[in-house]
Amino acid sequence: MTTKRTLAQQLDGPLPAGIDALPDDQQQVLADALSQARRAQAEALQSAGESALSHIPFFIRPAVRKAVGL
């Protein structure tokens, strides 16, 4: 039941019928894969944001970082 709750939270809503029909171990594999993909996406976005700052003049980078939340 915990896996179903975790998946529902990750998907921001009720589980689709196809996912709900999966065995618990497969749902856990899916939950782990979704969690890992979201972490990788967050890391990639952070890296892209930092890389984009290299195109901004050094003296205004702190203000830009603060404005965009980096």
C-alpha atoms as a PDB file:
ATOM      1  CA  MET A   1       0.000   0.000   0.000  1.00  0.00           C
ATOM      2  CA  THR A   2       2.889   2.352   0.703  1.00  0.00           C
ATOM      3  CA  THR A   3       4.177   1.933  -2.846  1.00  0.00           C
ATOM      4  CA  LYS A   4       0.767   2.868  -4.270  1.00  0.00           C
ATOM      5  CA  ARG A   5       0.689   5.964  -2.101  1.00  0.00           C
ATOM      6  CA  THR A   6       4.234   6.898  -3.129  1.00  0.00           C
ATOM      7  CA  LEU A   7       3.417   6.447  -6.812  1.00  0.00           C
ATOM      8  CA  ALA A   8       0.210   8.451  -6.479  1.00  0.00           C
ATOM      9  CA  GLN A   9       2.158  11.275  -4.829  1.00  0.00           C
ATOM     10  CA  GLN A  10       4.815  11.203  -7.543  1.00  0.00           C
ATOM     11  CA  LEU A  11       2.156  11.289 -10.258  1.00  0.00           C
ATOM     12  CA  ASP A  12       0.130  13.961  -8.416  1.00  0.00           C
ATOM     13  CA  GLY A  13      -3.122  12.046  -8.593  1.00  0.00           C
ATOM     14  CA  PRO A  14      -4.750   8.638  -8.592  1.00  0.00           C
ATOM     15  CA  LEU A  15      -2.908   5.794 -10.256  1.00  0.00           C
ATOM     16  CA  PRO A  16      -3.948   4.920 -13.803  1.00  0.00           C
ATOM     17  CA  ALA A  17      -5.580   1.484 -14.057  1.00  0.00           C
ATOM     18  CA  GLY A  18      -2.584  -0.026 -15.846  1.00  0.00           C
ATOM     19  CA  ILE A  19      -0.181   0.979 -13.084  1.00  0.00           C
ATOM     20  CA  ASP A  20      -2.618  -0.015 -10.352  1.00  0.00           C
ATOM     21  CA  ALA A  21      -2.848  -3.488 -11.914  1.00  0.00           C
ATOM     22  CA  LEU A  22       0.913  -4.073 -11.693  1.00  0.00           C
ATOM     23  CA  PRO A  23       2.233  -6.365  -8.967  1.00  0.00           C
ATOM     24  CA  ASP A  24       3.659  -4.593  -5.912  1.00  0.00           C
ATOM     25  CA  ASP A  25       7.269  -5.386  -6.804  1.00  0.00           C
ATOM     26  CA  GLN A  26       6.840  -3.863 -10.273  1.00  0.00           C
ATOM     27  CA  GLN A  27       5.170  -0.798  -8.773  1.00  0.00           C
ATOM     28  CA  GLN A  28       8.178  -0.401  -6.485  1.00  0.00           C
ATOM     29  CA  VAL A  29      10.541  -0.622  -9.470  1.00  0.00           C
ATOM     30  CA  LEU A  30       8.474   2.059 -11.229  1.00  0.00           C
ATOM     31  CA  ALA A  31       8.428   4.274  -8.122  1.00  0.00           C
ATOM     32  CA  ASP A  32      12.205   3.979  -7.798  1.00  0.00           C
ATOM     33  CA  ALA A  33      12.718   4.759 -11.495  1.00  0.00           C
ATOM     34  CA  LEU A  34      10.466   7.828 -11.290  1.00  0.00           C
ATOM     35  CA  SER A  35      12.283   9.072  -8.213  1.00  0.00           C
ATOM     36  CA  GLN A  36      15.683   8.574  -9.827  1.00  0.00           C
ATOM     37  CA  ALA A  37      14.544  10.311 -13.030  1.00  0.00           C
ATOM     38  CA  ARG A  38      13.279  13.315 -11.087  1.00  0.00           C
ATOM     39  CA  ARG A  39      16.555  13.600  -9.201  1.00  0.00           C
ATOM     40  CA  ALA A  40      18.511  13.401 -12.459  1.00  0.00           C
ATOM     41  CA  GLN A  41      16.256  16.040 -14.008  1.00  0.00           C
ATOM     42  CA  ALA A  42      16.731  18.362 -11.036  1.00  0.00           C
ATOM     43  CA  GLU A  43      20.505  17.933 -11.221  1.00  0.00           C
ATOM     44  CA  ALA A  44      20.481  18.637 -14.979  1.00  0.00           C
ATOM     45  CA  LEU A  45      18.389  21.768 -14.485  1.00  0.00           C
ATOM     46  CA  GLN A  46      20.712  22.976 -11.729  1.00  0.00           C
ATOM     47  CA  SER A  47      23.729  22.359 -13.933  1.00  0.00           C
ATOM     48  CA  ALA A  48      22.107  24.160 -16.872  1.00  0.00           C
ATOM     49  CA  GLY A  49      21.292  27.147 -14.685  1.00  0.00           C
ATOM     50  CA  GLU A  50      24.848  27.377 -13.424  1.00  0.00           C
ATOM     51  CA  SER A  51      26.180  27.008 -16.963  1.00  0.00           C
ATOM     52  CA  ALA A  52      23.890  29.772 -18.213  1.00  0.00           C
ATOM     53  CA  LEU A  53      25.348  32.111 -15.608  1.00  0.00           C
ATOM     54  CA  SER A  54      28.713  31.908 -17.360  1.00  0.00           C
ATOM     55  CA  HIS A  55      27.207  34.094 -20.099  1.00  0.00           C
ATOM     56  CA  ILE A  56      26.326  36.850 -17.637  1.00  0.00           C
ATOM     57  CA  PRO A  57      28.902  39.446 -16.621  1.00  0.00           C
ATOM     58  CA  PHE A  58      30.591  38.506 -13.368  1.00  0.00           C
ATOM     59  CA  PHE A  59      29.623  41.619 -11.420  1.00  0.00           C
ATOM     60  CA  ILE A  60      25.857  41.092 -11.868  1.00  0.00           C
ATOM     61  CA  ARG A  61      25.793  37.306 -11.342  1.00  0.00           C
ATOM     62  CA  PRO A  62      24.862  37.538  -7.637  1.00  0.00           C
ATOM     63  CA  ALA A  63      21.803  39.646  -8.472  1.00  0.00           C
ATOM     64  CA  VAL A  64      20.787  37.285 -11.271  1.00  0.00           C
ATOM     65  CA  ARG A  65      21.290  34.246  -9.026  1.00  0.00           C
ATOM     66  CA  LYS A  66      19.042  35.813  -6.402  1.00  0.00           C
ATOM     67  CA  ALA A  67      16.403  36.796  -8.974  1.00  0.00           C
ATOM     68  CA  VAL A  68      16.161  33.323 -10.507  1.00  0.00           C
ATOM     69  CA  GLY A  69      16.599  31.408  -7.253  1.00  0.00           C
ATOM     70  CA  LEU A  70      19.940  29.713  -7.847  1.00  0.00           C
END
